[in-house]
PDB file of all heavy atoms in Angstrom:
ATOM      1  N   ILE A   1      12.891  -5.286 -44.619  1.00  0.00           N
ATOM      2  CA  ILE A   1      12.786  -6.242 -43.520  1.00  0.00           C
ATOM      3  C   ILE A   1      11.442  -6.963 -43.623  1.00  0.00           C
ATOM      4  O   ILE A   1      10.387  -6.326 -43.617  1.00  0.00           O
ATOM      5  CB  ILE A   1      12.893  -5.554 -42.144  1.00  0.00           C
ATOM      6  CG1 ILE A   1      14.230  -4.815 -42.020  1.00  0.00           C
ATOM      7  CG2 ILE A   1      12.727  -6.577 -41.023  1.00  0.00           C
ATOM      8  CD1 ILE A   1      15.448  -5.707 -42.031  1.00  0.00           C
ATOM      9  N   LEU A   2      11.500  -8.277 -43.752  1.00  0.00           N
ATOM     10  CA  LEU A   2      10.311  -9.118 -43.686  1.00  0.00           C
ATOM     11  C   LEU A   2      10.408  -9.977 -42.435  1.00  0.00           C
ATOM     12  O   LEU A   2      11.440  -9.993 -41.750  1.00  0.00           O
ATOM     13  CB  LEU A   2      10.175  -9.971 -44.949  1.00  0.00           C
ATOM     14  CG  LEU A   2       9.826  -9.195 -46.236  1.00  0.00           C
ATOM     15  CD1 LEU A   2       9.877 -10.115 -47.451  1.00  0.00           C
ATOM     16  CD2 LEU A   2       8.453  -8.549 -46.116  1.00  0.00           C
ATOM     17  N   ASN A   3       9.352 -10.707 -42.138  1.00  0.00           N
ATOM     18  CA  ASN A   3       9.302 -11.436 -40.864  1.00  0.00           C
ATOM     19  C   ASN A   3       9.007 -12.914 -41.032  1.00  0.00           C
ATOM     20  O   ASN A   3       8.422 -13.343 -42.022  1.00  0.00           O
ATOM     21  CB  ASN A   3       8.251 -10.797 -39.946  1.00  0.00           C
ATOM     22  CG  ASN A   3       8.669  -9.427 -39.476  1.00  0.00           C
ATOM     23  OD1 ASN A   3       8.568  -8.457 -40.215  1.00  0.00           O
ATOM     24  ND2 ASN A   3       9.173  -9.332 -38.253  1.00  0.00           N
ATOM     25  N   ARG A   4       9.434 -13.645 -40.015  1.00  0.00           N
ATOM     26  CA  ARG A   4       9.200 -15.084 -39.932  1.00  0.00           C
ATOM     27  C   ARG A   4       8.718 -15.415 -38.525  1.00  0.00           C
ATOM     28  O   ARG A   4       8.741 -14.551 -37.626  1.00  0.00           O
ATOM     29  CB  ARG A   4      10.491 -15.849 -40.218  1.00  0.00           C
ATOM     30  CG  ARG A   4      11.602 -15.531 -39.202  1.00  0.00           C
ATOM     31  CD  ARG A   4      12.850 -16.333 -39.454  1.00  0.00           C
ATOM     32  NE  ARG A   4      13.929 -15.951 -38.533  1.00  0.00           N
ATOM     33  CZ  ARG A   4      15.101 -16.563 -38.444  1.00  0.00           C
ATOM     34  NH1 ARG A   4      15.351 -17.623 -39.235  1.00  0.00           N
ATOM     35  NH2 ARG A   4      16.029 -16.167 -37.590  1.00  0.00           N
ATOM     36  N   TYR A   5       8.300 -16.646 -38.326  1.00  0.00           N
ATOM     37  CA  TYR A   5       7.932 -17.092 -36.988  1.00  0.00           C
ATOM     38  C   TYR A   5       9.169 -17.634 -36.269  1.00  0.00           C
ATOM     39  O   TYR A   5      10.110 -18.136 -36.883  1.00  0.00           O
ATOM     40  CB  TYR A   5       6.828 -18.146 -37.066  1.00  0.00           C
ATOM     41  CG  TYR A   5       5.497 -17.554 -37.475  1.00  0.00           C
ATOM     42  CD1 TYR A   5       4.928 -17.843 -38.721  1.00  0.00           C
ATOM     43  CD2 TYR A   5       4.820 -16.682 -36.624  1.00  0.00           C
ATOM     44  CE1 TYR A   5       3.709 -17.282 -39.093  1.00  0.00           C
ATOM     45  CE2 TYR A   5       3.614 -16.107 -36.991  1.00  0.00           C
ATOM     46  CZ  TYR A   5       3.064 -16.415 -38.232  1.00  0.00           C
ATOM     47  OH  TYR A   5       1.872 -15.850 -38.602  1.00  0.00           O
ATOM     48  N   TRP A   6       9.135 -17.556 -34.951  1.00  0.00           N
ATOM     49  CA  TRP A   6      10.312 -17.863 -34.130  1.00  0.00           C
ATOM     50  C   TRP A   6       9.836 -18.279 -32.745  1.00  0.00           C
ATOM     51  O   TRP A   6       8.647 -18.203 -32.430  1.00  0.00           O
ATOM     52  CB  TRP A   6      11.207 -16.620 -34.047  1.00  0.00           C
ATOM     53  CG  TRP A   6      12.547 -16.781 -33.398  1.00  0.00           C
ATOM     54  CD1 TRP A   6      12.918 -16.330 -32.170  1.00  0.00           C
ATOM     55  CD2 TRP A   6      13.699 -17.403 -33.957  1.00  0.00           C
ATOM     56  NE1 TRP A   6      14.242 -16.627 -31.928  1.00  0.00           N
ATOM     57  CE2 TRP A   6      14.743 -17.293 -33.018  1.00  0.00           C
ATOM     58  CE3 TRP A   6      13.966 -18.065 -35.167  1.00  0.00           C
ATOM     59  CZ2 TRP A   6      16.025 -17.813 -33.230  1.00  0.00           C
ATOM     60  CZ3 TRP A   6      15.248 -18.565 -35.386  1.00  0.00           C
ATOM     61  CH2 TRP A   6      16.254 -18.435 -34.438  1.00  0.00           C
ATOM     62  N   ASP A   7      10.735 -18.730 -31.903  1.00  0.00           N
ATOM     63  CA  ASP A   7      10.461 -18.989 -30.494  1.00  0.00           C
ATOM     64  C   ASP A   7      11.768 -18.774 -29.759  1.00  0.00           C
ATOM     65  O   ASP A   7      12.839 -19.095 -30.285  1.00  0.00           O
ATOM     66  CB  ASP A   7       9.946 -20.416 -30.276  1.00  0.00           C
ATOM     67  CG  ASP A   7       9.436 -20.657 -28.859  1.00  0.00           C
ATOM     68  OD1 ASP A   7      10.249 -20.596 -27.911  1.00  0.00           O
ATOM     69  OD2 ASP A   7       8.232 -20.902 -28.691  1.00  0.00           O
ATOM     70  N   HIS A   8      11.691 -18.230 -28.567  1.00  0.00           N
ATOM     71  CA  HIS A   8      12.916 -17.918 -27.824  1.00  0.00           C
ATOM     72  C   HIS A   8      13.552 -19.151 -27.190  1.00  0.00           C
ATOM     73  O   HIS A   8      14.671 -19.060 -26.674  1.00  0.00           O
ATOM     74  CB  HIS A   8      12.612 -16.863 -26.757  1.00  0.00           C
ATOM     75  CG  HIS A   8      12.224 -15.544 -27.337  1.00  0.00           C
ATOM     76  ND1 HIS A   8      13.086 -14.766 -28.059  1.00  0.00           N
ATOM     77  CD2 HIS A   8      11.037 -14.868 -27.343  1.00  0.00           C
ATOM     78  CE1 HIS A   8      12.478 -13.665 -28.467  1.00  0.00           C
ATOM     79  NE2 HIS A   8      11.224 -13.701 -28.055  1.00  0.00           N
ATOM     80  N   PHE A   9      12.879 -20.281 -27.242  1.00  0.00           N
ATOM     81  CA  PHE A   9      13.425 -21.494 -26.637  1.00  0.00           C
ATOM     82  C   PHE A   9      13.686 -22.558 -27.695  1.00  0.00           C
ATOM     83  O   PHE A   9      13.071 -22.562 -28.765  1.00  0.00           O
ATOM     84  CB  PHE A   9      12.461 -22.040 -25.582  1.00  0.00           C
ATOM     85  CG  PHE A   9      12.218 -21.089 -24.443  1.00  0.00           C
ATOM     86  CD1 PHE A   9      10.991 -20.459 -24.293  1.00  0.00           C
ATOM     87  CD2 PHE A   9      13.218 -20.804 -23.526  1.00  0.00           C
ATOM     88  CE1 PHE A   9      10.756 -19.573 -23.252  1.00  0.00           C
ATOM     89  CE2 PHE A   9      12.996 -19.910 -22.472  1.00  0.00           C
ATOM     90  CZ  PHE A   9      11.768 -19.305 -22.337  1.00  0.00           C
ATOM     91  N   GLU A  10      14.593 -23.460 -27.399  1.00  0.00           N
ATOM     92  CA  GLU A  10      14.909 -24.570 -28.286  1.00  0.00           C
ATOM     93  C   GLU A  10      14.897 -25.879 -27.493  1.00  0.00           C
ATOM     94  O   GLU A  10      15.849 -26.637 -27.466  1.00  0.00           O
ATOM     95  CB  GLU A  10      16.258 -24.344 -28.983  1.00  0.00           C
ATOM     96  CG  GLU A  10      17.381 -23.901 -28.069  1.00  0.00           C
ATOM     97  CD  GLU A  10      18.655 -23.572 -28.823  1.00  0.00           C
ATOM     98  OE1 GLU A  10      18.579 -23.357 -30.054  1.00  0.00           O
ATOM     99  OE2 GLU A  10      19.726 -23.557 -28.190  1.00  0.00           O
ATOM    100  N   THR A  11      13.762 -26.093 -26.834  1.00  0.00           N
ATOM    101  CA  THR A  11      13.509 -27.286 -26.043  1.00  0.00           C
ATOM    102  C   THR A  11      12.131 -27.831 -26.422  1.00  0.00           C
ATOM    103  O   THR A  11      11.351 -27.135 -27.067  1.00  0.00           O
ATOM    104  CB  THR A  11      13.523 -26.941 -24.536  1.00  0.00           C
ATOM    105  OG1 THR A  11      12.563 -25.896 -24.299  1.00  0.00           O
ATOM    106  CG2 THR A  11      14.899 -26.483 -24.082  1.00  0.00           C
ATOM    107  N   PRO A  12      11.803 -29.056 -26.040  1.00  0.00           N
ATOM    108  CA  PRO A  12      10.456 -29.574 -26.351  1.00  0.00           C
ATOM    109  C   PRO A  12       9.384 -28.680 -25.740  1.00  0.00           C
ATOM    110  O   PRO A  12       9.548 -28.134 -24.646  1.00  0.00           O
ATOM    111  CB  PRO A  12      10.451 -30.961 -25.698  1.00  0.00           C
ATOM    112  CG  PRO A  12      11.881 -31.331 -25.548  1.00  0.00           C
ATOM    113  CD  PRO A  12      12.619 -30.049 -25.325  1.00  0.00           C
ATOM    114  N   ARG A  13       8.272 -28.528 -26.449  1.00  0.00           N
ATOM    115  CA  ARG A  13       7.143 -27.795 -25.881  1.00  0.00           C
ATOM    116  C   ARG A  13       6.630 -28.544 -24.651  1.00  0.00           C
ATOM    117  O   ARG A  13       6.396 -29.753 -24.711  1.00  0.00           O
ATOM    118  CB  ARG A  13       6.015 -27.677 -26.913  1.00  0.00           C
ATOM    119  CG  ARG A  13       6.328 -26.799 -28.114  1.00  0.00           C
ATOM    120  CD  ARG A  13       5.269 -26.971 -29.188  1.00  0.00           C
ATOM    121  NE  ARG A  13       5.257 -28.327 -29.720  1.00  0.00           N
ATOM    122  CZ  ARG A  13       4.207 -28.930 -30.266  1.00  0.00           C
ATOM    123  NH1 ARG A  13       3.047 -28.312 -30.348  1.00  0.00           N
ATOM    124  NH2 ARG A  13       4.308 -30.166 -30.729  1.00  0.00           N
ATOM    125  N   GLN A  14       6.420 -27.836 -23.549  1.00  0.00           N
ATOM    126  CA  GLN A  14       5.977 -28.505 -22.331  1.00  0.00           C
ATOM    127  C   GLN A  14       4.630 -29.193 -22.512  1.00  0.00           C
ATOM    128  O   GLN A  14       4.390 -30.264 -21.951  1.00  0.00           O
ATOM    129  CB  GLN A  14       5.893 -27.502 -21.180  1.00  0.00           C
ATOM    130  CG  GLN A  14       7.236 -26.928 -20.740  1.00  0.00           C
ATOM    131  CD  GLN A  14       7.538 -25.603 -21.411  1.00  0.00           C
ATOM    132  OE1 GLN A  14       7.233 -25.412 -22.580  1.00  0.00           O
ATOM    133  NE2 GLN A  14       8.145 -24.680 -20.664  1.00  0.00           N
ATOM    134  N   GLU A  15       3.725 -28.578 -23.309  1.00  0.00           N
ATOM    135  CA  GLU A  15       2.385 -29.123 -23.480  1.00  0.00           C
ATOM    136  C   GLU A  15       2.325 -30.234 -24.527  1.00  0.00           C
ATOM    137  O   GLU A  15       1.275 -30.853 -24.723  1.00  0.00           O
ATOM    138  CB  GLU A  15       1.411 -27.998 -23.867  1.00  0.00           C
ATOM    139  CG  GLU A  15       1.491 -27.514 -25.302  1.00  0.00           C
ATOM    140  CD  GLU A  15       2.646 -26.582 -25.607  1.00  0.00           C
ATOM    141  OE1 GLU A  15       3.539 -26.416 -24.748  1.00  0.00           O
ATOM    142  OE2 GLU A  15       2.656 -26.013 -26.724  1.00  0.00           O
ATOM    143  N   SER A  16       3.451 -30.500 -25.200  1.00  0.00           N
ATOM    144  CA  SER A  16       3.539 -31.612 -26.166  1.00  0.00           C
ATOM    145  C   SER A  16       4.903 -32.275 -26.020  1.00  0.00           C
ATOM    146  O   SER A  16       5.562 -32.617 -26.995  1.00  0.00           O
ATOM    147  CB  SER A  16       3.348 -31.092 -27.597  1.00  0.00           C
ATOM    148  OG  SER A  16       2.092 -30.502 -27.773  1.00  0.00           O
ATOM    149  N   TYR A  17       5.316 -32.467 -24.793  1.00  0.00           N
ATOM    150  CA  TYR A  17       6.688 -32.848 -24.473  1.00  0.00           C
ATOM    151  C   TYR A  17       7.081 -34.192 -25.089  1.00  0.00           C
ATOM    152  O   TYR A  17       8.066 -34.288 -25.834  1.00  0.00           O
ATOM    153  CB  TYR A  17       6.858 -32.895 -22.956  1.00  0.00           C
ATOM    154  CG  TYR A  17       8.289 -33.064 -22.495  1.00  0.00           C
ATOM    155  CD1 TYR A  17       9.127 -31.952 -22.393  1.00  0.00           C
ATOM    156  CD2 TYR A  17       8.792 -34.308 -22.160  1.00  0.00           C
ATOM    157  CE1 TYR A  17      10.443 -32.082 -21.960  1.00  0.00           C
ATOM    158  CE2 TYR A  17      10.109 -34.456 -21.733  1.00  0.00           C
ATOM    159  CZ  TYR A  17      10.927 -33.353 -21.637  1.00  0.00           C
ATOM    160  OH  TYR A  17      12.228 -33.485 -21.218  1.00  0.00           O
ATOM    161  N   LYS A  18       6.298 -35.219 -24.817  1.00  0.00           N
ATOM    162  CA  LYS A  18       6.661 -36.547 -25.317  1.00  0.00           C
ATOM    163  C   LYS A  18       6.621 -36.595 -26.835  1.00  0.00           C
ATOM    164  O   LYS A  18       7.475 -37.211 -27.481  1.00  0.00           O
ATOM    165  CB  LYS A  18       5.711 -37.614 -24.747  1.00  0.00           C
ATOM    166  CG  LYS A  18       6.096 -39.033 -25.146  1.00  0.00           C
ATOM    167  CD  LYS A  18       5.201 -40.071 -24.494  1.00  0.00           C
ATOM    168  CE  LYS A  18       5.664 -41.478 -24.881  1.00  0.00           C
ATOM    169  NZ  LYS A  18       4.808 -42.529 -24.245  1.00  0.00           N
ATOM    170  N   GLU A  19       5.625 -35.913 -27.432  1.00  0.00           N
ATOM    171  CA  GLU A  19       5.504 -35.892 -28.895  1.00  0.00           C
ATOM    172  C   GLU A  19       6.739 -35.255 -29.539  1.00  0.00           C
ATOM    173  O   GLU A  19       7.271 -35.763 -30.538  1.00  0.00           O
ATOM    174  CB  GLU A  19       4.248 -35.117 -29.308  1.00  0.00           C
ATOM    175  CG  GLU A  19       2.936 -35.775 -28.931  1.00  0.00           C
ATOM    176  CD  GLU A  19       2.454 -35.452 -27.530  1.00  0.00           C
ATOM    177  OE1 GLU A  19       3.276 -34.938 -26.720  1.00  0.00           O
ATOM    178  OE2 GLU A  19       1.272 -35.684 -27.233  1.00  0.00           O
ATOM    179  N   ASP A  20       7.198 -34.157 -28.948  1.00  0.00           N
ATOM    180  CA  ASP A  20       8.360 -33.473 -29.520  1.00  0.00           C
ATOM    181  C   ASP A  20       9.633 -34.296 -29.358  1.00  0.00           C
ATOM    182  O   ASP A  20      10.463 -34.356 -30.279  1.00  0.00           O
ATOM    183  CB  ASP A  20       8.537 -32.103 -28.864  1.00  0.00           C
ATOM    184  CG  ASP A  20       7.504 -31.094 -29.336  1.00  0.00           C
ATOM    185  OD1 ASP A  20       6.690 -31.453 -30.213  1.00  0.00           O
ATOM    186  OD2 ASP A  20       7.512 -29.952 -28.830  1.00  0.00           O
ATOM    187  N   VAL A  21       9.810 -34.903 -28.204  1.00  0.00           N
ATOM    188  CA  VAL A  21      10.988 -35.746 -27.983  1.00  0.00           C
ATOM    189  C   VAL A  21      10.995 -36.900 -28.992  1.00  0.00           C
ATOM    190  O   VAL A  21      12.040 -37.238 -29.572  1.00  0.00           O
ATOM    191  CB  VAL A  21      11.014 -36.279 -26.544  1.00  0.00           C
ATOM    192  CG1 VAL A  21      12.091 -37.351 -26.380  1.00  0.00           C
ATOM    193  CG2 VAL A  21      11.238 -35.132 -25.548  1.00  0.00           C
ATOM    194  N   HIS A  22       9.826 -37.494 -29.219  1.00  0.00           N
ATOM    195  CA  HIS A  22       9.718 -38.605 -30.179  1.00  0.00           C
ATOM    196  C   HIS A  22      10.037 -38.142 -31.602  1.00  0.00           C
ATOM    197  O   HIS A  22      10.826 -38.765 -32.318  1.00  0.00           O
ATOM    198  CB  HIS A  22       8.305 -39.192 -30.124  1.00  0.00           C
ATOM    199  CG  HIS A  22       8.047 -40.237 -31.173  1.00  0.00           C
ATOM    200  ND1 HIS A  22       7.506 -39.916 -32.409  1.00  0.00           N
ATOM    201  CD2 HIS A  22       8.258 -41.580 -31.175  1.00  0.00           C
ATOM    202  CE1 HIS A  22       7.398 -41.015 -33.136  1.00  0.00           C
ATOM    203  NE2 HIS A  22       7.850 -42.030 -32.407  1.00  0.00           N
ATOM    204  N   ASP A  23       9.428 -37.023 -32.033  1.00  0.00           N
ATOM    205  CA  ASP A  23       9.612 -36.555 -33.408  1.00  0.00           C
ATOM    206  C   ASP A  23      11.037 -36.072 -33.660  1.00  0.00           C
ATOM    207  O   ASP A  23      11.546 -36.177 -34.784  1.00  0.00           O
ATOM    208  CB  ASP A  23       8.621 -35.433 -33.724  1.00  0.00           C
ATOM    209  CG  ASP A  23       7.186 -35.930 -33.837  1.00  0.00           C
ATOM    210  OD1 ASP A  23       6.987 -37.116 -34.162  1.00  0.00           O
ATOM    211  OD2 ASP A  23       6.257 -35.135 -33.595  1.00  0.00           O
ATOM    212  N   ALA A  24      11.687 -35.566 -32.621  1.00  0.00           N
ATOM    213  CA  ALA A  24      13.057 -35.065 -32.779  1.00  0.00           C
ATOM    214  C   ALA A  24      14.030 -36.178 -33.144  1.00  0.00           C
ATOM    215  O   ALA A  24      15.066 -35.923 -33.772  1.00  0.00           O
ATOM    216  CB  ALA A  24      13.506 -34.366 -31.504  1.00  0.00           C
ATOM    217  N   LYS A  25      13.710 -37.407 -32.777  1.00  0.00           N
ATOM    218  CA  LYS A  25      14.611 -38.532 -33.063  1.00  0.00           C
ATOM    219  C   LYS A  25      14.805 -38.745 -34.556  1.00  0.00           C
ATOM    220  O   LYS A  25      15.844 -39.250 -34.989  1.00  0.00           O
ATOM    221  CB  LYS A  25      14.064 -39.805 -32.413  1.00  0.00           C
ATOM    222  CG  LYS A  25      14.059 -39.777 -30.901  1.00  0.00           C
ATOM    223  CD  LYS A  25      13.420 -41.028 -30.310  1.00  0.00           C
ATOM    224  CE  LYS A  25      13.389 -40.964 -28.793  1.00  0.00           C
ATOM    225  NZ  LYS A  25      12.688 -42.151 -28.199  1.00  0.00           N
ATOM    226  N   SER A  26      13.812 -38.351 -35.355  1.00  0.00           N
ATOM    227  CA  SER A  26      13.896 -38.555 -36.802  1.00  0.00           C
ATOM    228  C   SER A  26      14.400 -37.321 -37.537  1.00  0.00           C
ATOM    229  O   SER A  26      14.502 -37.340 -38.771  1.00  0.00           O
ATOM    230  CB  SER A  26      12.503 -38.942 -37.354  1.00  0.00           C
ATOM    231  OG  SER A  26      12.008 -40.092 -36.730  1.00  0.00           O
ATOM    232  N   TYR A  27      14.708 -36.255 -36.809  1.00  0.00           N
ATOM    233  CA  TYR A  27      15.139 -35.017 -37.439  1.00  0.00           C
ATOM    234  C   TYR A  27      16.583 -35.116 -37.887  1.00  0.00           C
ATOM    235  O   TYR A  27      17.455 -35.564 -37.137  1.00  0.00           O
ATOM    236  CB  TYR A  27      14.971 -33.851 -36.466  1.00  0.00           C
ATOM    237  CG  TYR A  27      15.343 -32.511 -37.048  1.00  0.00           C
ATOM    238  CD1 TYR A  27      14.539 -31.911 -38.015  1.00  0.00           C
ATOM    239  CD2 TYR A  27      16.495 -31.848 -36.641  1.00  0.00           C
ATOM    240  CE1 TYR A  27      14.865 -30.675 -38.552  1.00  0.00           C
ATOM    241  CE2 TYR A  27      16.835 -30.606 -37.165  1.00  0.00           C
ATOM    242  CZ  TYR A  27      16.016 -30.036 -38.127  1.00  0.00           C
ATOM    243  OH  TYR A  27      16.343 -28.818 -38.661  1.00  0.00           O
ATOM    244  N   GLN A  28      16.846 -34.711 -39.126  1.00  0.00           N
ATOM    245  CA  GLN A  28      18.198 -34.747 -39.661  1.00  0.00           C
ATOM    246  C   GLN A  28      18.933 -33.454 -39.317  1.00  0.00           C
ATOM    247  O   GLN A  28      19.039 -32.534 -40.105  1.00  0.00           O
ATOM    248  CB  GLN A  28      18.147 -34.942 -41.180  1.00  0.00           C
ATOM    249  CG  GLN A  28      17.453 -36.210 -41.635  1.00  0.00           C
ATOM    250  CD  GLN A  28      18.124 -37.468 -41.105  1.00  0.00           C
ATOM    251  OE1 GLN A  28      19.330 -37.643 -41.241  1.00  0.00           O
ATOM    252  NE2 GLN A  28      17.339 -38.356 -40.499  1.00  0.00           N
ATOM    253  N   GLY A  29      19.412 -33.389 -38.111  1.00  0.00           N
ATOM    254  CA  GLY A  29      20.096 -32.194 -37.629  1.00  0.00           C
ATOM    255  C   GLY A  29      20.103 -32.220 -36.121  1.00  0.00           C
ATOM    256  O   GLY A  29      19.712 -33.220 -35.496  1.00  0.00           O
ATOM    257  N   ASN A  30      20.573 -31.122 -35.501  1.00  0.00           N
ATOM    258  CA  ASN A  30      20.595 -31.137 -34.036  1.00  0.00           C
ATOM    259  C   ASN A  30      19.197 -30.928 -33.478  1.00  0.00           C
ATOM    260  O   ASN A  30      18.352 -30.284 -34.100  1.00  0.00           O
ATOM    261  CB  ASN A  30      21.583 -30.087 -33.495  1.00  0.00           C
ATOM    262  CG  ASN A  30      21.137 -28.667 -33.768  1.00  0.00           C
ATOM    263  OD1 ASN A  30      20.143 -28.195 -33.219  1.00  0.00           O
ATOM    264  ND2 ASN A  30      21.870 -27.966 -34.632  1.00  0.00           N
ATOM    265  N   LYS A  31      18.964 -31.504 -32.325  1.00  0.00           N
ATOM    266  CA  LYS A  31      17.624 -31.520 -31.733  1.00  0.00           C
ATOM    267  C   LYS A  31      17.149 -30.114 -31.377  1.00  0.00           C
ATOM    268  O   LYS A  31      15.960 -29.805 -31.480  1.00  0.00           O
ATOM    269  CB  LYS A  31      17.609 -32.422 -30.482  1.00  0.00           C
ATOM    270  CG  LYS A  31      18.020 -33.865 -30.747  1.00  0.00           C
ATOM    271  CD  LYS A  31      17.065 -34.532 -31.716  1.00  0.00           C
ATOM    272  CE  LYS A  31      17.412 -35.992 -31.948  1.00  0.00           C
ATOM    273  NZ  LYS A  31      18.553 -36.207 -32.863  1.00  0.00           N
ATOM    274  N   GLU A  32      18.084 -29.251 -30.962  1.00  0.00           N
ATOM    275  CA  GLU A  32      17.690 -27.892 -30.608  1.00  0.00           C
ATOM    276  C   GLU A  32      17.103 -27.166 -31.816  1.00  0.00           C
ATOM    277  O   GLU A  32      16.141 -26.409 -31.686  1.00  0.00           O
ATOM    278  CB  GLU A  32      18.891 -27.111 -30.060  1.00  0.00           C
ATOM    279  CG  GLU A  32      19.355 -27.568 -28.693  1.00  0.00           C
ATOM    280  CD  GLU A  32      20.143 -28.864 -28.728  1.00  0.00           C
ATOM    281  OE1 GLU A  32      20.578 -29.272 -29.844  1.00  0.00           O
ATOM    282  OE2 GLU A  32      20.317 -29.480 -27.671  1.00  0.00           O
ATOM    283  N   GLU A  33      17.648 -27.410 -32.992  1.00  0.00           N
ATOM    284  CA  GLU A  33      17.130 -26.805 -34.211  1.00  0.00           C
ATOM    285  C   GLU A  33      15.711 -27.295 -34.493  1.00  0.00           C
ATOM    286  O   GLU A  33      14.828 -26.517 -34.867  1.00  0.00           O
ATOM    287  CB  GLU A  33      18.049 -27.145 -35.386  1.00  0.00           C
ATOM    288  CG  GLU A  33      17.686 -26.470 -36.694  1.00  0.00           C
ATOM    289  CD  GLU A  33      18.645 -26.828 -37.800  1.00  0.00           C
ATOM    290  OE1 GLU A  33      18.784 -28.034 -38.108  1.00  0.00           O
ATOM    291  OE2 GLU A  33      19.276 -25.913 -38.364  1.00  0.00           O
ATOM    292  N   PHE A  34      15.489 -28.593 -34.301  1.00  0.00           N
ATOM    293  CA  PHE A  34      14.144 -29.144 -34.495  1.00  0.00           C
ATOM    294  C   PHE A  34      13.154 -28.485 -33.549  1.00  0.00           C
ATOM    295  O   PHE A  34      12.053 -28.084 -33.962  1.00  0.00           O
ATOM    296  CB  PHE A  34      14.142 -30.656 -34.258  1.00  0.00           C
ATOM    297  CG  PHE A  34      12.754 -31.254 -34.231  1.00  0.00           C
ATOM    298  CD1 PHE A  34      12.082 -31.537 -35.412  1.00  0.00           C
ATOM    299  CD2 PHE A  34      12.111 -31.502 -33.026  1.00  0.00           C
ATOM    300  CE1 PHE A  34      10.799 -32.069 -35.396  1.00  0.00           C
ATOM    301  CE2 PHE A  34      10.823 -32.027 -33.002  1.00  0.00           C
ATOM    302  CZ  PHE A  34      10.177 -32.314 -34.188  1.00  0.00           C
ATOM    303  N   TYR A  35      13.526 -28.379 -32.274  1.00  0.00           N
ATOM    304  CA  TYR A  35      12.603 -27.805 -31.295  1.00  0.00           C
ATOM    305  C   TYR A  35      12.284 -26.342 -31.631  1.00  0.00           C
ATOM    306  O   TYR A  35      11.157 -25.886 -31.436  1.00  0.00           O
ATOM    307  CB  TYR A  35      13.186 -27.915 -29.886  1.00  0.00           C
ATOM    308  CG  TYR A  35      13.339 -29.336 -29.408  1.00  0.00           C
ATOM    309  CD1 TYR A  35      14.499 -29.762 -28.761  1.00  0.00           C
ATOM    310  CD2 TYR A  35      12.336 -30.280 -29.631  1.00  0.00           C
ATOM    311  CE1 TYR A  35      14.648 -31.075 -28.322  1.00  0.00           C
ATOM    312  CE2 TYR A  35      12.477 -31.597 -29.200  1.00  0.00           C
ATOM    313  CZ  TYR A  35      13.639 -31.987 -28.553  1.00  0.00           C
ATOM    314  OH  TYR A  35      13.777 -33.293 -28.135  1.00  0.00           O
ATOM    315  N   ARG A  36      13.260 -25.600 -32.142  1.00  0.00           N
ATOM    316  CA  ARG A  36      13.001 -24.224 -32.553  1.00  0.00           C
ATOM    317  C   ARG A  36      11.990 -24.181 -33.697  1.00  0.00           C
ATOM    318  O   ARG A  36      11.055 -23.382 -33.698  1.00  0.00           O
ATOM    319  CB  ARG A  36      14.306 -23.556 -32.992  1.00  0.00           C
ATOM    320  CG  ARG A  36      14.124 -22.108 -33.427  1.00  0.00           C
ATOM    321  CD  ARG A  36      14.289 -21.155 -32.272  1.00  0.00           C
ATOM    322  NE  ARG A  36      15.675 -21.067 -31.868  1.00  0.00           N
ATOM    323  CZ  ARG A  36      16.111 -20.436 -30.781  1.00  0.00           C
ATOM    324  NH1 ARG A  36      15.246 -19.832 -30.007  1.00  0.00           N
ATOM    325  NH2 ARG A  36      17.396 -20.406 -30.467  1.00  0.00           N
ATOM    326  N   HIS A  37      12.172 -25.064 -34.688  1.00  0.00           N
ATOM    327  CA  HIS A  37      11.253 -25.121 -35.826  1.00  0.00           C
ATOM    328  C   HIS A  37       9.842 -25.500 -35.376  1.00  0.00           C
ATOM    329  O   HIS A  37       8.849 -24.929 -35.843  1.00  0.00           O
ATOM    330  CB  HIS A  37      11.737 -26.138 -36.860  1.00  0.00           C
ATOM    331  CG  HIS A  37      12.895 -25.685 -37.690  1.00  0.00           C
ATOM    332  ND1 HIS A  37      12.940 -24.445 -38.289  1.00  0.00           N
ATOM    333  CD2 HIS A  37      14.043 -26.319 -38.050  1.00  0.00           C
ATOM    334  CE1 HIS A  37      14.068 -24.339 -38.975  1.00  0.00           C
ATOM    335  NE2 HIS A  37      14.756 -25.448 -38.843  1.00  0.00           N
ATOM    336  N   ILE A  38       9.737 -26.474 -34.482  1.00  0.00           N
ATOM    337  CA  ILE A  38       8.420 -26.957 -34.056  1.00  0.00           C
ATOM    338  C   ILE A  38       7.717 -25.885 -33.237  1.00  0.00           C
ATOM    339  O   ILE A  38       6.502 -25.663 -33.363  1.00  0.00           O
ATOM    340  CB  ILE A  38       8.537 -28.282 -33.279  1.00  0.00           C
ATOM    341  CG1 ILE A  38       7.261 -29.115 -33.423  1.00  0.00           C
ATOM    342  CG2 ILE A  38       8.842 -28.101 -31.809  1.00  0.00           C
ATOM    343  CD1 ILE A  38       7.155 -29.905 -34.678  1.00  0.00           C
ATOM    344  N   ARG A  39       8.456 -25.168 -32.414  1.00  0.00           N
ATOM    345  CA  ARG A  39       7.885 -24.088 -31.625  1.00  0.00           C
ATOM    346  C   ARG A  39       7.471 -22.922 -32.525  1.00  0.00           C
ATOM    347  O   ARG A  39       6.420 -22.307 -32.312  1.00  0.00           O
ATOM    348  CB  ARG A  39       8.898 -23.613 -30.576  1.00  0.00           C
ATOM    349  CG  ARG A  39       9.041 -24.553 -29.384  1.00  0.00           C
ATOM    350  CD  ARG A  39      10.187 -24.123 -28.481  1.00  0.00           C
ATOM    351  NE  ARG A  39      10.130 -24.804 -27.180  1.00  0.00           N
ATOM    352  CZ  ARG A  39       9.503 -24.345 -26.118  1.00  0.00           C
ATOM    353  NH1 ARG A  39       8.865 -23.180 -26.186  1.00  0.00           N
ATOM    354  NH2 ARG A  39       9.490 -25.007 -24.985  1.00  0.00           N
ATOM    355  N   ALA A  40       8.293 -22.616 -33.525  1.00  0.00           N
ATOM    356  CA  ALA A  40       7.931 -21.557 -34.467  1.00  0.00           C
ATOM    357  C   ALA A  40       6.681 -21.938 -35.244  1.00  0.00           C
ATOM    358  O   ALA A  40       5.827 -21.091 -35.529  1.00  0.00           O
ATOM    359  CB  ALA A  40       9.092 -21.285 -35.432  1.00  0.00           C
ATOM    360  N   GLY A  41       6.547 -23.228 -35.574  1.00  0.00           N
ATOM    361  CA  GLY A  41       5.329 -23.701 -36.226  1.00  0.00           C
ATOM    362  C   GLY A  41       4.112 -23.496 -35.342  1.00  0.00           C
ATOM    363  O   GLY A  41       3.023 -23.156 -35.822  1.00  0.00           O
TER     364      GLY A  41
END
């Protein structure tokens, strides 16, 4: 078992809300997946 980063939510980060909504528009996939990746980052 190895580990990765994760987040329990798949919504824009509240403290970077507008930035995440803007960046999600260019994501090639569903927005919830993008928000999970950005939060894990």
